[in-house]
Protein backbone atom coordinates (compact mmCIF):
# COMPACT_ATOMS: atom_id res chain seq x y z
CA MET A 1 236.92 98.64 48.74
CA LYS A 2 240.44 98.00 49.91
CA ASP A 3 242.86 99.29 52.50
CA GLY A 4 246.18 101.15 52.51
CA LYS A 5 247.58 104.44 53.72
CA HIS A 6 249.44 107.05 51.70
CA ASN A 7 247.81 106.77 48.28
CA SER A 8 245.64 109.88 47.86
CA ALA A 9 242.57 107.91 46.79
CA LEU A 10 242.96 105.58 49.75
CA GLY A 11 243.43 108.54 52.07
CA ALA A 12 240.19 110.04 50.82
CA ALA A 13 238.40 106.71 51.17
CA TYR A 14 239.65 106.35 54.75
CA ALA A 15 238.30 109.79 55.58
CA ALA A 16 234.90 109.21 53.96
CA THR A 17 231.90 109.27 56.24
CA ARG A 18 229.11 108.19 53.86
CA PRO A 19 228.75 105.22 51.50
CA ASP A 20 228.11 107.51 48.52
CA GLU A 21 231.46 109.23 49.18
CA VAL A 22 233.25 105.88 49.20
CA ALA A 23 231.50 104.84 45.97
CA ALA A 24 232.47 108.07 44.20
CA ILE A 25 236.13 107.73 45.21
CA TYR A 26 236.34 104.19 43.86
CA ASP A 27 234.39 105.06 40.72
CA SER A 28 237.04 107.64 39.84
CA TRP A 29 239.90 105.31 40.79
CA ALA A 30 238.76 102.21 38.88
CA GLU A 31 240.88 102.84 35.77
CA THR A 32 244.25 102.70 37.54
CA TYR A 33 243.33 100.64 40.61
CA ASP A 34 244.94 97.34 39.59
CA ALA A 35 248.26 98.96 38.67
CA ASP A 36 248.27 101.16 41.78
CA MET A 37 247.61 98.26 44.12
CA SER A 38 250.19 96.06 42.41
CA ALA A 39 252.80 98.81 42.88
CA ALA A 40 251.84 99.03 46.56
CA GLY A 41 252.45 95.31 47.07
CA TYR A 42 248.82 94.72 48.03
CA ARG A 43 248.64 91.43 49.95
CA HIS A 44 245.02 90.92 51.01
CA PRO A 45 243.74 89.15 47.86
CA THR A 46 246.60 86.63 47.83
CA ILE A 47 246.27 85.84 51.52
CA CYS A 48 242.48 85.51 51.28
CA LEU A 49 242.79 83.20 48.28
CA ALA A 50 245.24 80.96 50.15
CA LEU A 51 243.01 80.78 53.21
CA LEU A 52 239.87 80.05 51.22
CA ALA A 53 241.56 77.33 49.17
CA ARG A 54 242.83 75.69 52.36
CA HIS A 55 239.39 75.47 53.96
CA LEU A 56 236.84 75.27 51.13
CA PRO A 57 236.81 72.33 48.70
CA ARG A 58 237.63 73.03 45.08
CA GLY A 59 234.49 73.65 43.09
CA ALA A 60 232.35 74.72 46.06
CA GLU A 61 229.60 77.01 44.82
CA PRO A 62 228.39 79.63 44.70
CA LEU A 63 230.87 82.02 46.26
CA LEU A 64 230.47 85.73 46.98
CA ASP A 65 233.36 88.17 46.58
CA ALA A 66 232.11 90.84 49.00
CA GLY A 67 233.92 94.06 48.19
CA ALA A 68 235.18 92.70 44.89
CA GLY A 69 236.64 95.93 43.56
CA THR A 70 238.05 95.34 40.09
CA GLY A 71 237.88 91.56 40.50
CA LEU A 72 241.41 90.63 41.55
CA ILE A 73 240.26 87.66 43.61
CA GLY A 74 237.62 86.59 41.12
CA GLU A 75 240.26 86.09 38.44
CA TRP A 76 242.33 83.87 40.71
CA LEU A 77 239.33 81.91 42.00
CA ALA A 78 238.41 81.02 38.43
CA ILE A 79 241.96 79.83 37.74
CA THR A 80 242.18 77.75 40.93
CA GLY A 81 238.92 75.88 40.52
CA TYR A 82 236.05 78.00 41.87
CA PRO A 83 234.10 78.93 38.73
CA GLN A 84 230.80 80.04 40.31
CA VAL A 85 231.58 83.41 41.91
CA GLU A 86 229.44 86.53 42.26
CA ALA A 87 230.79 90.03 42.88
CA LEU A 88 229.46 92.65 45.28
CA ASP A 89 230.81 96.19 45.50
CA ILE A 90 229.59 99.68 46.35
CA SER A 91 231.24 101.18 43.26
CA GLN A 92 229.73 100.78 39.80
CA GLY A 93 233.04 101.82 38.25
CA MET A 94 234.83 99.00 40.03
CA LEU A 95 232.11 96.50 39.12
CA ASP A 96 232.39 97.51 35.47
CA LYS A 97 236.09 96.61 35.57
CA ALA A 98 235.34 93.36 37.40
CA GLY A 99 232.63 92.44 34.91
CA ALA A 100 234.95 93.02 31.97
CA LYS A 101 237.20 90.25 33.25
CA GLY A 102 234.48 87.73 32.50
CA VAL A 103 234.89 85.67 35.66
CA TYR A 104 231.79 86.57 37.67
CA LYS A 105 228.37 84.99 37.24
CA ALA A 106 226.59 88.04 38.67
CA LEU A 107 227.47 91.60 39.71
CA HIS A 108 225.71 93.26 42.66
CA ARG A 109 226.06 96.98 43.33
CA LEU A 110 225.43 97.01 47.07
CA ALA A 111 226.92 98.38 50.27
CA LEU A 112 227.92 96.12 53.13
CA GLY A 113 226.76 97.15 56.57
CA GLY A 114 223.00 96.93 56.02
CA ALA A 115 220.53 94.27 54.91
CA LEU A 116 221.51 92.32 51.79
CA PRO A 117 218.93 91.01 49.28
CA PHE A 118 220.12 87.41 49.41
CA ALA A 119 218.48 84.35 50.94
CA ASP A 120 219.70 82.76 54.14
CA GLY A 121 222.49 80.34 53.35
CA ALA A 122 222.75 81.45 49.73
CA TYR A 123 226.53 81.01 49.48
CA ALA A 124 228.95 78.15 50.14
CA GLY A 125 231.73 80.62 50.82
CA ILE A 126 232.34 84.34 51.12
CA VAL A 127 235.60 86.25 50.78
CA SER A 128 235.97 89.88 51.81
CA ALA A 129 239.45 91.34 51.32
CA GLY A 130 240.34 94.81 52.58
CA VAL A 131 236.75 95.75 53.38
CA PHE A 132 236.69 95.70 57.17
CA THR A 133 238.90 98.78 57.62
CA SER A 134 238.90 102.49 58.36
CA GLY A 135 236.23 104.49 56.55
CA HIS A 136 234.67 101.41 54.95
CA VAL A 137 232.79 98.68 56.83
CA GLY A 138 232.85 97.93 60.55
CA ILE A 139 231.49 95.13 62.67
CA GLU A 140 227.97 95.99 61.47
CA GLY A 141 228.76 94.25 58.18
CA LEU A 142 229.49 90.85 59.68
CA ASP A 143 226.06 89.55 60.68
CA GLU A 144 224.65 89.66 57.16
CA LEU A 145 227.65 87.79 55.76
CA ILE A 146 227.07 85.08 58.36
CA ARG A 147 223.35 84.95 57.52
CA ILE A 148 223.88 84.48 53.79
CA CYS A 149 226.61 81.85 54.21
CA ARG A 150 225.23 78.32 54.53
CA PRO A 151 225.91 76.16 57.59
CA GLY A 152 229.30 74.55 57.13
CA GLY A 153 230.34 77.31 54.77
CA ILE A 154 233.47 79.43 55.10
CA ILE A 155 233.88 83.19 55.44
CA VAL A 156 237.36 84.60 54.80
CA LEU A 157 237.94 88.23 55.69
CA THR A 158 240.67 90.68 56.57
CA VAL A 159 240.33 93.01 59.53
CA LYS A 160 242.40 96.13 60.19
CA ASN A 161 243.80 96.34 63.72
CA THR A 162 241.96 99.61 64.35
CA LEU A 163 238.67 97.72 63.98
CA TRP A 164 239.93 94.54 65.63
CA GLN A 165 240.75 96.46 68.79
CA ALA A 166 237.54 98.50 68.70
CA GLY A 167 235.06 95.68 69.29
CA PHE A 168 235.59 93.30 66.38
CA ALA A 169 237.60 90.77 68.39
CA GLU A 170 234.99 90.78 71.16
CA ARG A 171 232.16 90.31 68.67
CA ILE A 172 233.90 87.34 67.05
CA ALA A 173 234.46 85.78 70.48
CA GLU A 174 230.80 86.33 71.38
CA LEU A 175 229.53 84.74 68.17
CA ALA A 176 231.83 81.76 68.68
CA LYS A 177 230.67 81.32 72.27
CA ARG A 178 227.05 81.37 71.11
CA GLY A 179 227.79 78.67 68.54
CA VAL A 180 226.99 80.88 65.55
CA ILE A 181 230.47 80.52 64.05
CA ALA A 182 233.68 78.60 64.66
CA ARG A 183 237.04 80.32 64.41
CA VAL A 184 238.98 78.11 62.01
CA GLU A 185 242.16 80.10 61.45
CA GLU A 186 243.68 83.49 62.13
CA THR A 187 246.88 84.77 60.55
CA ARG A 188 249.51 86.71 62.40
CA PRO A 189 249.17 90.48 61.85
CA TYR A 190 250.76 91.73 58.63
CA ALA A 191 251.13 94.92 56.61
CA SER A 192 248.56 94.90 53.84
CA MET A 193 250.46 97.31 51.57
CA PRO A 194 254.19 97.31 52.38
CA GLY A 195 254.94 99.42 49.31
CA GLU A 196 252.82 102.22 50.76
CA GLY A 197 254.49 102.20 54.16
CA ASP A 198 251.32 100.95 55.83
CA THR A 199 252.14 100.69 59.54
CA VAL A 200 248.77 99.56 60.93
CA PRO A 201 248.61 95.78 60.56
CA SER A 202 245.68 93.65 59.49
CA ARG A 203 244.92 89.97 60.00
CA GLY A 204 243.24 87.30 57.92
CA LEU A 205 240.41 85.43 59.59
CA VAL A 206 238.62 82.22 58.61
CA LEU A 207 235.19 81.54 60.10
CA ARG A 208 232.97 78.53 59.62
CA VAL A 209 229.24 79.10 59.92
CA ILE A 210 227.56 76.63 62.27
C-alpha cells in the first residue's frame, strides 16, 4: 500500500473506494512492484528507515511494518539491526512476496482503519510508509497503531498533504495536547516518487507513544 501518481496501478489504487478493491489491485501488481517503485525513485521506505533508526534503539522488538507491501523496509530493518519484524498488509499477493524474502517473523493479512487483533502495547515500534494517502488509509487508521504501540515506543509514518490538510494535522495536535503522543520529528514536505512526476508532497512523522 504505497503512494504515487501516474503509474496505472497506483492511479487505480488512488481511485479505489473499498478495501477489497485496493487488495485486488496490489495482488495483481505484486510481481513487478519492486522494479516499478525503484524506477519511480520511491523515497518513503528509505526516509522511514532513517527516522526509525534515529529514534528507536537497535534491536528493539518486536516491530510492525504496517502496510508492508513486498517487504522493502523489512529487508533493510533486518540488515540494520532490527531482526524481529512482523508484516501487515491488505494484499495477500504482496505478503507472499514479502514472506519470500525471509525477513519477517509473522505475516498478517489485515486492513488498517478498523480494529486490529493485537494486544495493547504489543509492539516496540511501528513503521507505516506510503499508507496514509489517497484511496488507502485516512486518520481512522491512527488510533489503533497508537493502541498497539507500547508506551515509550515509536511510530514512524508518512502522510500525504491531501490528508494532512484534511484533518490529520489537527488530530495529531489534539492527541499531543491530550498527552497520548509526543511529536518527536517531522520532515519537510517532499515528493515521494520524483520519477513519476508526483506533485503532491508528503511528510515523514515520528510519534512517541506516552
